[in-house]
Amino acid sequence: MGMCTDFHDLLECTLNFEKGLVMKNELLDNLNQLHTTELGVVRMKRNLSLETDDVVKWCKDKISSASAIITRNGKNWYIDVDGCIITVNAYSYTIITAHKGKS
């Protein structure tokens, strides 16, 4: 989130920041519901060159990392962490995909 440059933006920025925290906590509070499909596992392992067999646990660890930047846009959560982007459906908590972030 960018810094407020004008005094009148302070309230709006504060409210947006608080909303972001609420939404971030919503995802973190529901990590136990995180899951994916068999095709999702194949796609994420291919996109990120993962060696692990437990892709869901790998994603949970990344999402709960202190360095994770979690945002919500429409029906999806986007987690930007350690050079990758993880996409999670906000209603079903299905991990849709994960790929390397743009450099």
Protein backbone atom coordinates (compact mmCIF):
# COMPACT_ATOMS: atom_id res chain seq x y z
CA MET A 1 0.00 0.00 0.00
CA GLY A 2 1.32 3.43 -0.91
CA MET A 3 1.85 6.25 1.52
CA CYS A 4 -0.75 9.02 1.87
CA THR A 5 0.56 12.22 0.32
CA ASP A 6 -2.25 14.56 1.36
CA PHE A 7 -3.80 15.03 4.78
CA HIS A 8 -7.33 14.51 3.42
CA ASP A 9 -6.34 11.02 2.19
CA LEU A 10 -5.37 9.87 5.68
CA LEU A 11 -8.85 8.68 6.70
CA GLU A 12 -9.42 6.87 3.41
CA CYS A 13 -5.99 5.23 3.59
CA THR A 14 -6.57 4.20 7.20
CA LEU A 15 -9.95 2.66 6.38
CA ASN A 16 -8.54 0.79 3.39
CA PHE A 17 -5.65 -0.48 5.48
CA GLU A 18 -8.06 -1.70 8.16
CA LYS A 19 -10.20 -3.42 5.51
CA GLY A 20 -7.08 -5.09 4.15
CA LEU A 21 -6.22 -6.40 7.58
CA VAL A 22 -9.73 -7.76 8.04
CA MET A 23 -9.61 -9.50 4.67
CA LYS A 24 -6.10 -10.81 5.28
CA ASN A 25 -7.20 -12.24 8.61
CA GLU A 26 -10.19 -13.87 6.90
CA LEU A 27 -7.90 -15.87 4.63
CA LEU A 28 -5.45 -16.69 7.41
CA ASP A 29 -8.31 -17.72 9.71
CA ASN A 30 -9.48 -20.23 7.09
CA LEU A 31 -6.18 -21.82 6.07
CA ASN A 32 -7.51 -25.16 7.32
CA GLN A 33 -10.06 -25.05 4.45
CA LEU A 34 -7.39 -24.56 1.78
CA HIS A 35 -7.40 -27.30 -0.86
CA THR A 36 -6.82 -27.83 -4.57
CA THR A 37 -7.64 -30.27 -7.35
CA GLU A 38 -5.39 -32.94 -8.84
CA LEU A 39 -4.93 -30.74 -11.90
CA GLY A 40 -4.11 -27.82 -9.61
CA VAL A 41 -1.30 -29.84 -8.03
CA VAL A 42 0.13 -30.72 -11.44
CA ARG A 43 -0.15 -27.10 -12.65
CA MET A 44 1.55 -25.62 -9.55
CA LYS A 45 4.34 -28.19 -9.51
CA ARG A 46 5.01 -27.45 -13.18
CA ASN A 47 4.75 -23.65 -12.89
CA LEU A 48 7.01 -23.40 -9.84
CA SER A 49 9.23 -26.45 -10.41
CA LEU A 50 8.20 -27.78 -6.99
CA GLU A 51 9.60 -31.06 -5.75
CA THR A 52 7.15 -31.43 -2.86
CA ASP A 53 4.20 -33.81 -3.00
CA ASP A 54 2.20 -31.70 -0.52
CA VAL A 55 1.50 -28.59 -2.57
CA VAL A 56 -1.33 -27.48 -0.24
CA LYS A 57 1.00 -27.48 2.77
CA TRP A 58 3.60 -25.59 0.73
CA CYS A 59 0.97 -22.95 -0.13
CA LYS A 60 -0.24 -22.73 3.48
CA ASP A 61 3.33 -22.14 4.65
CA LYS A 62 3.84 -19.42 2.03
CA ILE A 63 0.50 -17.72 2.76
CA SER A 64 1.14 -17.64 6.50
CA SER A 65 4.65 -16.23 5.98
CA ALA A 66 5.29 -12.77 7.42
CA SER A 67 6.53 -11.65 4.00
CA ALA A 68 3.28 -12.58 2.20
CA ILE A 69 1.36 -9.70 0.64
CA ILE A 70 -2.29 -10.75 0.55
CA THR A 71 -4.86 -8.89 -1.52
CA ARG A 72 -8.37 -9.65 -2.66
CA ASN A 73 -9.73 -8.70 -6.04
CA GLY A 74 -13.29 -9.84 -6.69
CA LYS A 75 -13.71 -13.55 -6.08
CA ASN A 76 -10.00 -14.33 -5.65
CA TRP A 77 -7.23 -13.82 -3.13
CA TYR A 78 -3.78 -13.09 -4.56
CA ILE A 79 -0.77 -13.85 -2.41
CA ASP A 80 2.55 -12.39 -3.53
CA VAL A 81 5.35 -14.09 -1.63
CA ASP A 82 8.95 -15.15 -2.26
CA GLY A 83 8.82 -14.44 -5.99
CA CYS A 84 5.57 -16.25 -6.70
CA ILE A 85 1.86 -15.44 -6.93
CA ILE A 86 -0.69 -17.84 -5.44
CA THR A 87 -4.34 -17.48 -6.49
CA VAL A 88 -7.07 -18.74 -4.13
CA ASN A 89 -10.84 -18.65 -4.65
CA ALA A 90 -12.24 -16.47 -1.84
CA TYR A 91 -15.45 -18.48 -1.42
CA SER A 92 -14.31 -22.10 -1.68
CA TYR A 93 -10.66 -21.64 -0.55
CA THR A 94 -9.56 -23.65 -3.58
CA ILE A 95 -5.99 -22.93 -4.66
CA ILE A 96 -6.49 -22.21 -8.34
CA THR A 97 -2.90 -21.77 -9.43
CA ALA A 98 0.52 -20.52 -8.46
CA HIS A 99 3.18 -19.16 -10.74
CA LYS A 100 6.41 -17.23 -10.68
CA GLY A 101 5.98 -13.49 -10.18
CA LYS A 102 7.03 -11.01 -12.81
CA SER A 103 10.57 -9.79 -12.37
